[in-house]
Amino acid sequence: MRKKLILAVDDTPENLDVLKEILTPHYSLKVAVNGVAALKIAASQIPDLILLDVMMPDMDGYEVCRRLKTNPLTAAIPVIFVTALSKSEDEAIGFDVGAVDYITKPVSPPIVLRRIDTHLSLVRTEKLNVLARSAIRMVGELGHFNDTDTGQHIWRMAAYSVAIAKEAGCSAEMLEILEMAAALHDTGKIGIPDFILKAPRKLTKEEFQIMMTHCKVGGDILGKLDNPIFQLGAEIALAHHEKWDGSGYPYGLVGENIPFSARIVAIADVYDALTMARTYKDKWSIERAFDEIKRCSGSHFDPELVECFLRAQDEILEIQEKWNPAEKDTQVNVGHSLSAKTADKITLDTAVLARLIGDEPTLINKFLLDFRDSAVKSLAQMRTAHAASEWEVIRGEAHRLKSSSRAIGAENLGECCEQVELASDSAIGEKYKEFDAALNDVFVEFDKIRT
């Protein structure tokens, strides 16, 4: 394991010798005898921590620290001043320019080592927190990976949840946890088939029964993780579709039997859904959406939390305005025609194929033949299913071929597969014919490559 690198800066060689004796058994060490040298070493070596003298000629420690903190490469490096200055005003200046601690001379070896260890531990903790937050964001995004309608829904909705919770008197710590946990509310959608998530219409009764299972799926996934954010996320995922009057799902919980966090998210989730356009509905006006939340107070929503939502109206609208441009950038209309969606796509991108398996002719021929065999089998299954009106079989085969088509650069074919997968029963026949034609085009391209 790599030793942490410490940069010691002092214009007195004897002081550096003392620090060398203390530090070299535990850390890698670089030294500098003036500010200019220290800045160069810091920018090129990026030490884990800097021990910095204050009183140095030409450029004192305060100025060195200022410059370190204005350089993006070195701004995050913790700086501990090591100095004979002991007045409180001297320490205040040091903290103002960005230092994290002070050690007074003459130095005590145990104190030096403890202070360094403490601040390196804080850095490690912060890095772990950043990693954890990134993981949480990733899990939140996964729930909507195949849900093209939602755009920035999870993060906007999480911000709405915080605004409501703030009005309800939640602590700053609770608000921070809730914001991350609320974003996990639809994690369970990762277990819902694409043709349901992307359906450009109202779901059938059978499809909605499947959609309802995302609550339990999300709760099960998140509940396995022993972390307060994931635990709260599991609670929200499981119960955010429960209703105050007991008519919700999955358990039909009533009133305060519904977790407080889920009652907050329920309001935020519905408001966001109402005020955003979807492939199956138009966007509601802000006034109409607020009226709907008020109308559902005591039936769908906790009446006290509805009052909190109404008091937070200004903040809700600010959040909405902030996220609206992002929503416009990410919304995808899955309902438009296949020809419009694929007009600028080529039949087979050989560059994609080359990146996948290289340019060895024997390998390319084998790969294409294997893909052709698999596609022919799927096509035969789809033709049989089409004659028998077995639409789910057709969707399943299209789903199986979609990823492999795109992986080899057959983008048109991948798009056709997706359109078949998303089509309604009445439209699937036409989409299947487009898929059949696109597959034949790909086979023609295969033959050109192989010859």
Protein backbone atom coordinates (compact mmCIF):
# COMPACT_ATOMS: atom_id res chain seq x y z
CA MET A 1 0.00 0.00 0.00
CA ARG A 2 1.33 3.42 -1.00
CA LYS A 3 2.55 5.62 1.82
CA LYS A 4 0.83 9.00 2.02
CA LEU A 5 2.97 11.86 0.72
CA ILE A 6 3.62 14.81 3.03
CA LEU A 7 5.17 18.08 1.86
CA ALA A 8 7.06 19.94 4.65
CA VAL A 9 7.88 23.59 3.99
CA ASP A 10 10.29 25.56 6.21
CA ASP A 11 13.14 27.97 5.51
CA THR A 12 15.16 26.56 8.44
CA PRO A 13 16.96 23.28 7.60
CA GLU A 14 17.07 22.25 11.28
CA ASN A 15 13.27 22.39 11.48
CA LEU A 16 12.98 20.22 8.37
CA ASP A 17 15.40 17.70 9.91
CA VAL A 18 13.15 17.40 12.95
CA LEU A 19 10.10 16.79 10.75
CA LYS A 20 12.02 14.23 8.66
CA GLU A 21 12.86 12.26 11.78
CA ILE A 22 9.23 12.27 12.90
CA LEU A 23 7.61 11.54 9.56
CA THR A 24 9.86 9.25 7.47
CA PRO A 25 8.99 6.04 9.41
CA HIS A 26 5.31 6.61 8.57
CA TYR A 27 5.04 8.70 5.38
CA SER A 28 6.79 9.56 2.14
CA LEU A 29 8.25 13.04 2.47
CA LYS A 30 9.07 15.96 0.19
CA VAL A 31 10.63 19.16 1.52
CA ALA A 32 10.82 22.76 0.33
CA VAL A 33 12.81 25.66 1.83
CA ASN A 34 10.70 28.50 0.38
CA GLY A 35 7.23 29.27 -0.92
CA VAL A 36 8.06 29.19 -4.63
CA ALA A 37 9.56 25.69 -4.37
CA ALA A 38 6.60 24.57 -2.27
CA LEU A 39 4.09 25.69 -4.89
CA LYS A 40 5.99 23.89 -7.67
CA ILE A 41 6.24 20.63 -5.70
CA ALA A 42 2.60 20.81 -4.63
CA ALA A 43 1.37 21.31 -8.22
CA SER A 44 3.56 18.54 -9.67
CA GLN A 45 3.47 15.94 -6.87
CA ILE A 46 0.00 16.60 -5.35
CA PRO A 47 0.90 15.65 -1.77
CA ASP A 48 -1.76 14.27 0.57
CA LEU A 49 -1.05 16.97 3.18
CA ILE A 50 1.22 20.01 3.57
CA LEU A 51 3.02 21.15 6.75
CA LEU A 52 3.70 24.83 6.18
CA ASP A 53 5.83 27.35 8.11
CA VAL A 54 4.38 30.85 8.36
CA MET A 55 7.41 33.11 8.76
CA MET A 56 9.46 32.71 5.60
CA PRO A 57 11.29 35.35 3.49
CA ASP A 58 9.92 36.63 0.16
CA MET A 59 6.66 34.69 0.38
CA ASP A 60 5.24 33.89 3.81
CA GLY A 61 3.12 30.84 4.61
CA TYR A 62 -0.14 32.76 4.45
CA GLU A 63 0.52 33.77 0.82
CA VAL A 64 1.61 30.25 -0.08
CA CYS A 65 -1.65 28.91 1.35
CA ARG A 66 -3.70 31.50 -0.54
CA ARG A 67 -2.08 30.46 -3.82
CA LEU A 68 -2.55 26.78 -3.07
CA LYS A 69 -6.25 27.32 -2.50
CA THR A 70 -6.74 29.28 -5.74
CA ASN A 71 -5.12 26.54 -7.86
CA PRO A 72 -7.65 23.81 -8.77
CA LEU A 73 -4.87 21.21 -8.68
CA THR A 74 -3.93 21.96 -5.07
CA ALA A 75 -7.04 23.54 -3.56
CA ALA A 76 -8.20 20.31 -1.86
CA ILE A 77 -4.86 19.53 -0.16
CA PRO A 78 -5.14 20.02 3.63
CA VAL A 79 -2.64 22.57 4.96
CA ILE A 80 -1.43 22.57 8.59
CA PHE A 81 0.59 25.58 9.69
CA VAL A 82 3.67 24.75 11.78
CA THR A 83 4.80 27.97 13.41
CA ALA A 84 6.13 29.73 16.48
CA LEU A 85 3.28 32.25 16.22
CA SER A 86 0.75 31.48 18.92
CA LYS A 87 -1.58 34.46 19.12
CA SER A 88 -5.23 33.82 18.38
CA GLU A 89 -5.26 36.50 15.67
CA ASP A 90 -2.42 34.65 13.87
CA GLU A 91 -4.43 31.45 13.96
CA ALA A 92 -7.50 33.30 12.66
CA ILE A 93 -5.54 34.55 9.65
CA GLY A 94 -4.36 31.02 8.95
CA PHE A 95 -7.88 29.60 9.01
CA ASP A 96 -9.12 32.48 6.86
CA VAL A 97 -6.63 31.66 4.09
CA GLY A 98 -7.61 27.98 4.10
CA ALA A 99 -5.55 26.08 6.68
CA VAL A 100 -7.20 23.22 8.56
CA ASP A 101 -5.05 23.26 11.71
CA TYR A 102 -2.12 24.77 13.62
CA ILE A 103 0.86 23.10 15.30
CA THR A 104 3.10 25.31 17.42
CA LYS A 105 6.89 25.07 17.56
CA PRO A 106 8.80 23.41 19.07
CA VAL A 107 6.83 20.47 17.74
CA SER A 108 5.87 17.38 19.72
CA PRO A 109 6.22 14.15 17.66
CA PRO A 110 2.99 12.54 18.98
CA ILE A 111 0.99 15.73 18.30
CA VAL A 112 2.38 16.04 14.76
CA LEU A 113 1.52 12.43 13.96
CA ARG A 114 -1.95 12.61 15.53
CA ARG A 115 -2.87 15.83 13.74
CA ILE A 116 -1.71 14.48 10.38
CA ASP A 117 -3.60 11.21 10.91
CA THR A 118 -6.77 13.07 11.91
CA HIS A 119 -6.82 15.25 8.82
CA LEU A 120 -5.93 12.44 6.43
CA SER A 121 -8.81 10.46 7.96
CA LEU A 122 -11.16 13.38 7.34
CA VAL A 123 -10.06 13.46 3.71
CA ARG A 124 -10.68 9.71 3.41
CA THR A 125 -14.12 10.11 4.97
CA GLU A 126 -15.01 12.90 2.57
CA LYS A 127 -13.88 10.82 -0.41
CA LEU A 128 -16.01 7.92 0.82
CA ASN A 129 -18.98 10.28 1.22
CA VAL A 130 -18.52 11.49 -2.36
CA LEU A 131 -18.30 7.89 -3.54
CA ALA A 132 -21.40 6.93 -1.57
CA ARG A 133 -23.35 9.87 -3.00
CA SER A 134 -22.25 8.93 -6.50
CA ALA A 135 -23.42 5.35 -5.91
CA ILE A 136 -26.76 6.58 -4.61
CA ARG A 137 -27.21 8.80 -7.65
CA MET A 138 -26.34 5.88 -9.90
CA VAL A 139 -28.93 3.62 -8.23
CA GLY A 140 -31.53 6.38 -8.54
CA GLU A 141 -30.78 6.74 -12.26
CA LEU A 142 -30.92 2.97 -12.77
CA GLY A 143 -34.57 2.95 -11.77
CA HIS A 144 -35.28 5.17 -14.79
CA PHE A 145 -32.65 3.80 -17.16
CA ASN A 146 -35.31 2.55 -19.57
CA ASP A 147 -38.01 5.04 -18.63
CA THR A 148 -37.72 7.68 -21.35
CA ASP A 149 -40.66 9.73 -20.12
CA THR A 150 -39.23 10.86 -16.81
CA GLY A 151 -36.26 13.06 -17.74
CA GLN A 152 -34.95 14.76 -14.61
CA HIS A 153 -37.96 13.63 -12.60
CA ILE A 154 -36.12 11.94 -9.74
CA TRP A 155 -33.94 14.92 -8.83
CA ARG A 156 -36.62 17.55 -9.25
CA MET A 157 -39.02 15.43 -7.21
CA ALA A 158 -36.36 14.96 -4.50
CA ALA A 159 -35.95 18.73 -4.28
CA TYR A 160 -39.74 19.13 -3.93
CA SER A 161 -39.66 16.57 -1.11
CA VAL A 162 -37.02 18.57 0.76
CA ALA A 163 -39.06 21.77 0.40
CA ILE A 164 -42.12 20.05 1.92
CA ALA A 165 -40.08 18.44 4.71
CA LYS A 166 -38.51 21.80 5.56
CA GLU A 167 -41.96 23.29 6.09
CA ALA A 168 -42.80 20.26 8.25
CA GLY A 169 -39.91 21.14 10.59
CA CYS A 170 -37.42 18.38 9.70
CA SER A 171 -33.81 18.81 10.83
CA ALA A 172 -31.01 19.76 8.43
CA GLU A 173 -29.60 16.23 8.75
CA MET A 174 -32.97 14.69 7.90
CA LEU A 175 -33.35 16.99 4.88
CA GLU A 176 -29.97 15.90 3.54
CA ILE A 177 -30.77 12.20 3.92
CA LEU A 178 -34.29 12.62 2.51
CA GLU A 179 -33.05 14.34 -0.64
CA MET A 180 -30.88 11.35 -1.53
CA ALA A 181 -33.39 8.73 -0.36
CA ALA A 182 -36.31 10.30 -2.24
CA ALA A 183 -34.37 9.99 -5.48
CA LEU A 184 -34.39 6.21 -4.97
CA HIS A 185 -38.18 5.95 -4.87
CA ASP A 186 -38.53 4.25 -8.27
CA THR A 187 -35.49 1.95 -8.04
CA GLY A 188 -37.84 -1.02 -8.45
CA LYS A 189 -38.66 0.02 -12.01
CA ILE A 190 -35.46 -1.74 -13.01
CA GLY A 191 -37.53 -4.92 -12.67
CA ILE A 192 -40.34 -3.75 -14.98
CA PRO A 193 -40.28 -4.79 -18.68
CA ASP A 194 -39.41 -2.13 -21.25
CA PHE A 195 -42.67 -2.49 -23.16
CA ILE A 196 -44.56 -1.38 -20.04
CA LEU A 197 -42.18 1.42 -18.97
CA LYS A 198 -42.09 2.88 -22.48
CA ALA A 199 -45.70 2.30 -23.47
CA PRO A 200 -46.82 5.52 -25.26
CA ARG A 201 -50.36 5.09 -23.91
CA LYS A 202 -52.30 4.36 -20.77
CA LEU A 203 -51.39 0.94 -19.36
CA THR A 204 -53.86 -1.94 -19.55
CA LYS A 205 -55.17 -3.42 -16.31
CA GLU A 206 -52.77 -6.37 -16.62
CA GLU A 207 -49.80 -4.11 -17.37
CA PHE A 208 -50.61 -1.88 -14.40
CA GLN A 209 -50.63 -4.93 -12.11
CA ILE A 210 -47.05 -5.59 -13.24
CA MET A 211 -46.10 -1.92 -12.82
CA MET A 212 -47.36 -1.97 -9.23
CA THR A 213 -44.71 -4.55 -8.32
CA HIS A 214 -41.95 -1.92 -8.62
CA CYS A 215 -42.67 -0.82 -5.04
CA LYS A 216 -41.83 -4.20 -3.52
CA VAL A 217 -38.91 -4.73 -5.90
CA GLY A 218 -37.40 -1.38 -4.91
CA GLY A 219 -37.98 -1.99 -1.22
CA ASP A 220 -36.34 -5.41 -1.44
CA ILE A 221 -33.28 -4.11 -3.31
CA LEU A 222 -32.65 -1.10 -1.10
CA GLY A 223 -33.54 -2.85 2.16
CA LYS A 224 -30.56 -5.17 1.81
CA LEU A 225 -28.14 -2.26 2.27
CA ASP A 226 -27.23 -1.24 5.83
CA ASN A 227 -26.97 2.50 5.26
CA PRO A 228 -29.40 5.14 6.58
CA ILE A 229 -29.98 6.63 3.13
CA PHE A 230 -30.68 3.26 1.52
CA GLN A 231 -32.85 2.21 4.48
CA LEU A 232 -34.95 5.36 4.16
CA GLY A 233 -34.96 4.83 0.40
CA ALA A 234 -36.36 1.33 0.92
CA GLU A 235 -39.12 2.74 3.13
CA ILE A 236 -40.01 5.33 0.49
CA ALA A 237 -39.78 2.91 -2.45
CA LEU A 238 -42.16 0.50 -0.75
CA ALA A 239 -44.78 3.00 0.42
CA HIS A 240 -44.77 6.06 -1.88
CA HIS A 241 -47.91 4.82 -3.69
CA GLU A 242 -49.89 4.27 -0.49
CA LYS A 243 -52.78 6.71 0.04
CA TRP A 244 -53.99 8.43 3.20
CA ASP A 245 -57.46 6.83 2.92
CA GLY A 246 -56.08 3.29 2.42
CA SER A 247 -56.81 2.99 -1.30
CA GLY A 248 -53.17 2.86 -2.37
CA TYR A 249 -50.73 0.01 -2.94
CA PRO A 250 -49.01 -2.35 -2.29
CA TYR A 251 -50.49 -2.87 1.21
CA GLY A 252 -53.40 -0.41 1.46
CA LEU A 253 -51.90 1.34 4.50
CA VAL A 254 -54.03 4.06 6.14
CA GLY A 255 -53.09 7.47 7.56
CA GLU A 256 -50.08 7.60 9.84
CA ASN A 257 -49.41 3.91 9.28
CA ILE A 258 -47.83 5.13 6.05
CA PRO A 259 -44.22 6.17 6.79
CA PHE A 260 -43.75 9.93 7.13
CA SER A 261 -41.07 10.00 4.41
CA ALA A 262 -43.33 8.19 1.93
CA ARG A 263 -46.21 10.61 2.64
CA ILE A 264 -43.92 13.51 1.71
CA VAL A 265 -42.65 11.85 -1.45
CA ALA A 266 -46.18 10.91 -2.52
CA ILE A 267 -47.10 14.60 -2.80
CA ALA A 268 -43.86 15.55 -4.55
CA ASP A 269 -44.12 12.63 -6.97
CA VAL A 270 -47.71 13.35 -8.01
CA TYR A 271 -47.13 17.09 -8.38
CA ASP A 272 -44.14 16.47 -10.61
CA ALA A 273 -46.04 13.94 -12.73
CA LEU A 274 -48.94 16.38 -13.18
CA THR A 275 -46.76 19.30 -14.27
CA MET A 276 -44.63 17.39 -16.80
CA ALA A 277 -45.75 16.30 -20.27
CA ARG A 278 -45.69 12.56 -20.92
CA THR A 279 -46.30 10.51 -24.04
CA TYR A 280 -49.74 9.56 -22.68
CA LYS A 281 -50.79 12.95 -21.19
CA ASP A 282 -50.44 16.70 -21.57
CA LYS A 283 -48.70 18.93 -19.07
CA TRP A 284 -51.01 20.44 -16.45
CA SER A 285 -50.81 24.11 -15.52
CA ILE A 286 -49.27 24.98 -12.16
CA GLU A 287 -52.62 26.30 -10.89
CA ARG A 288 -54.47 23.15 -11.88
CA ALA A 289 -51.77 20.92 -10.30
CA PHE A 290 -51.88 22.82 -7.00
CA ASP A 291 -55.67 22.60 -7.01
CA GLU A 292 -55.44 18.85 -7.55
CA ILE A 293 -53.07 18.40 -4.60
CA LYS A 294 -55.51 20.41 -2.42
CA ARG A 295 -58.46 18.39 -3.71
CA CYS A 296 -56.73 15.13 -2.74
CA SER A 297 -55.94 16.29 0.80
CA GLY A 298 -57.36 13.72 3.20
CA SER A 299 -57.91 11.12 0.49
CA HIS A 300 -54.64 10.58 -1.33
CA PHE A 301 -52.43 12.82 0.82
CA ASP A 302 -51.73 13.62 4.47
CA PRO A 303 -53.68 16.87 5.10
CA GLU A 304 -50.95 18.40 7.28
CA LEU A 305 -48.30 17.74 4.67
CA VAL A 306 -50.52 19.22 1.97
CA GLU A 307 -50.53 22.43 4.04
CA CYS A 308 -46.72 22.24 4.17
CA PHE A 309 -46.66 21.83 0.39
CA LEU A 310 -48.88 24.89 -0.07
CA ARG A 311 -46.71 27.00 2.25
CA ALA A 312 -43.65 25.94 0.23
CA GLN A 313 -45.22 27.10 -3.06
CA ASP A 314 -42.58 29.76 -3.81
CA GLU A 315 -39.73 27.31 -3.31
CA ILE A 316 -41.56 24.63 -5.31
CA LEU A 317 -41.88 27.02 -8.24
CA GLU A 318 -38.21 28.02 -8.01
CA ILE A 319 -37.21 24.34 -8.13
CA GLN A 320 -39.50 23.78 -11.09
CA GLU A 321 -38.01 26.71 -12.98
CA LYS A 322 -34.47 25.49 -12.24
CA TRP A 323 -35.11 21.97 -13.55
CA ASN A 324 -37.33 22.77 -16.54
CA PRO A 325 -34.45 23.43 -18.99
CA ALA A 326 -32.87 20.09 -18.04
CA GLU A 327 -36.20 18.36 -18.61
CA LYS A 328 -36.45 19.81 -22.10
CA ASP A 329 -32.94 18.63 -22.90
CA THR A 330 -33.60 15.04 -21.83
CA GLN A 331 -37.21 14.33 -22.80
CA VAL A 332 -37.60 11.75 -25.54
CA ASN A 333 -40.83 11.32 -27.46
CA VAL A 334 -41.14 7.56 -27.90
CA GLY A 335 -44.42 7.96 -29.75
CA HIS A 336 -43.11 9.40 -33.03
CA SER A 337 -42.81 7.32 -36.18
CA LEU A 338 -40.07 4.86 -36.94
CA SER A 339 -39.15 6.61 -40.18
CA ALA A 340 -38.59 9.92 -38.40
CA LYS A 341 -36.53 8.24 -35.70
CA THR A 342 -34.25 6.28 -38.03
CA ALA A 343 -34.04 8.38 -41.18
CA ASP A 344 -30.46 9.43 -40.40
CA LYS A 345 -29.28 5.97 -39.32
CA ILE A 346 -27.29 3.59 -41.53
CA THR A 347 -28.04 -0.11 -41.89
CA LEU A 348 -24.75 -1.39 -40.47
CA ASP A 349 -21.91 0.64 -38.96
CA THR A 350 -18.80 -1.40 -39.68
CA ALA A 351 -16.69 0.85 -37.43
CA VAL A 352 -18.78 -0.29 -34.45
CA LEU A 353 -18.31 -3.89 -35.55
CA ALA A 354 -14.53 -3.41 -35.86
CA ARG A 355 -14.30 -1.91 -32.37
CA LEU A 356 -16.19 -4.90 -31.03
CA ILE A 357 -14.18 -7.77 -32.59
CA GLY A 358 -11.31 -6.20 -34.55
CA ASP A 359 -10.68 -6.38 -38.28
CA GLU A 360 -9.65 -10.03 -38.66
CA PRO A 361 -11.78 -11.39 -41.59
CA THR A 362 -12.17 -14.88 -40.12
CA LEU A 363 -13.49 -13.49 -36.83
CA ILE A 364 -15.82 -11.07 -38.58
CA ASN A 365 -17.28 -13.84 -40.76
CA LYS A 366 -17.85 -16.13 -37.77
CA PHE A 367 -19.41 -13.33 -35.72
CA LEU A 368 -21.77 -12.31 -38.52
CA LEU A 369 -22.79 -15.89 -39.20
CA ASP A 370 -23.52 -16.46 -35.50
CA PHE A 371 -25.59 -13.28 -35.37
CA ARG A 372 -27.44 -14.26 -38.56
CA ASP A 373 -28.26 -17.71 -37.15
CA SER A 374 -29.59 -16.18 -33.94
CA ALA A 375 -31.60 -13.55 -35.84
CA VAL A 376 -33.08 -16.13 -38.23
CA LYS A 377 -34.25 -18.22 -35.28
CA SER A 378 -35.84 -15.15 -33.68
CA LEU A 379 -37.51 -14.23 -36.97
CA ALA A 380 -38.95 -17.75 -37.30
CA GLN A 381 -40.29 -17.55 -33.75
CA MET A 382 -41.82 -14.15 -34.47
CA ARG A 383 -43.48 -15.32 -37.69
CA THR A 384 -45.04 -18.28 -35.91
CA ALA A 385 -46.15 -16.05 -33.02
CA HIS A 386 -47.55 -13.47 -35.45
CA ALA A 387 -49.73 -16.08 -37.13
CA ALA A 388 -51.04 -17.11 -33.72
CA SER A 389 -51.41 -13.51 -32.44
CA GLU A 390 -48.97 -14.28 -29.61
CA TRP A 391 -47.81 -10.69 -29.19
CA GLU A 392 -45.73 -11.19 -26.04
CA VAL A 393 -43.58 -13.80 -27.80
CA ILE A 394 -42.88 -11.27 -30.55
CA ARG A 395 -42.00 -8.59 -27.98
CA GLY A 396 -39.70 -10.98 -26.14
CA GLU A 397 -37.77 -11.90 -29.30
CA ALA A 398 -37.49 -8.22 -30.27
CA HIS A 399 -36.14 -7.38 -26.81
CA ARG A 400 -33.54 -10.16 -27.07
CA LEU A 401 -32.27 -8.94 -30.45
CA LYS A 402 -32.30 -5.22 -29.63
CA SER A 403 -29.03 -4.99 -27.68
CA SER A 404 -27.05 -7.34 -29.91
CA SER A 405 -28.21 -5.42 -33.01
CA ARG A 406 -26.97 -2.14 -31.63
CA ALA A 407 -23.76 -3.71 -30.38
CA ILE A 408 -22.72 -4.61 -33.94
CA GLY A 409 -23.75 -1.24 -35.37
CA ALA A 410 -27.10 -2.34 -36.86
CA GLU A 411 -28.82 0.75 -35.47
CA ASN A 412 -31.86 0.61 -37.77
CA LEU A 413 -32.52 -2.96 -36.73
CA GLY A 414 -32.12 -2.05 -33.05
CA GLU A 415 -34.63 0.77 -33.47
CA CYS A 416 -37.07 -1.60 -35.20
CA CYS A 417 -36.70 -4.08 -32.34
CA GLU A 418 -37.54 -1.33 -29.85
CA GLN A 419 -40.58 -0.22 -31.84
CA VAL A 420 -41.87 -3.80 -31.96
CA GLU A 421 -41.31 -4.13 -28.22
CA LEU A 422 -43.26 -0.94 -27.46
CA ALA A 423 -46.10 -1.36 -29.96
CA SER A 424 -49.66 -1.99 -28.91
CA ASP A 425 -51.27 -5.29 -29.88
CA SER A 426 -53.15 -3.62 -32.73
CA ALA A 427 -49.99 -1.98 -34.14
CA ILE A 428 -47.48 -4.74 -33.59
CA GLY A 429 -48.14 -6.40 -36.94
CA GLU A 430 -47.06 -3.32 -38.88
CA LYS A 431 -43.98 -2.81 -36.69
CA TYR A 432 -43.07 -6.47 -37.11
CA LYS A 433 -43.08 -6.03 -40.91
CA GLU A 434 -40.69 -3.07 -40.57
CA PHE A 435 -38.45 -5.24 -38.41
CA ASP A 436 -38.52 -8.03 -41.03
CA ALA A 437 -37.47 -5.58 -43.76
CA ALA A 438 -34.70 -4.08 -41.63
CA LEU A 439 -33.32 -7.54 -40.84
CA ASN A 440 -33.17 -8.36 -44.54
CA ASP A 441 -31.26 -5.10 -45.15
CA VAL A 442 -28.74 -6.11 -42.50
CA PHE A 443 -28.30 -9.52 -44.10
CA VAL A 444 -27.53 -7.81 -47.42
CA GLU A 445 -24.86 -5.72 -45.68
CA PHE A 446 -23.47 -8.88 -44.04
CA ASP A 447 -23.02 -10.45 -47.48
CA LYS A 448 -21.20 -7.38 -48.76
CA ILE A 449 -18.78 -7.46 -45.84
CA ARG A 450 -18.15 -11.18 -46.08
CA THR A 451 -17.41 -10.99 -49.83
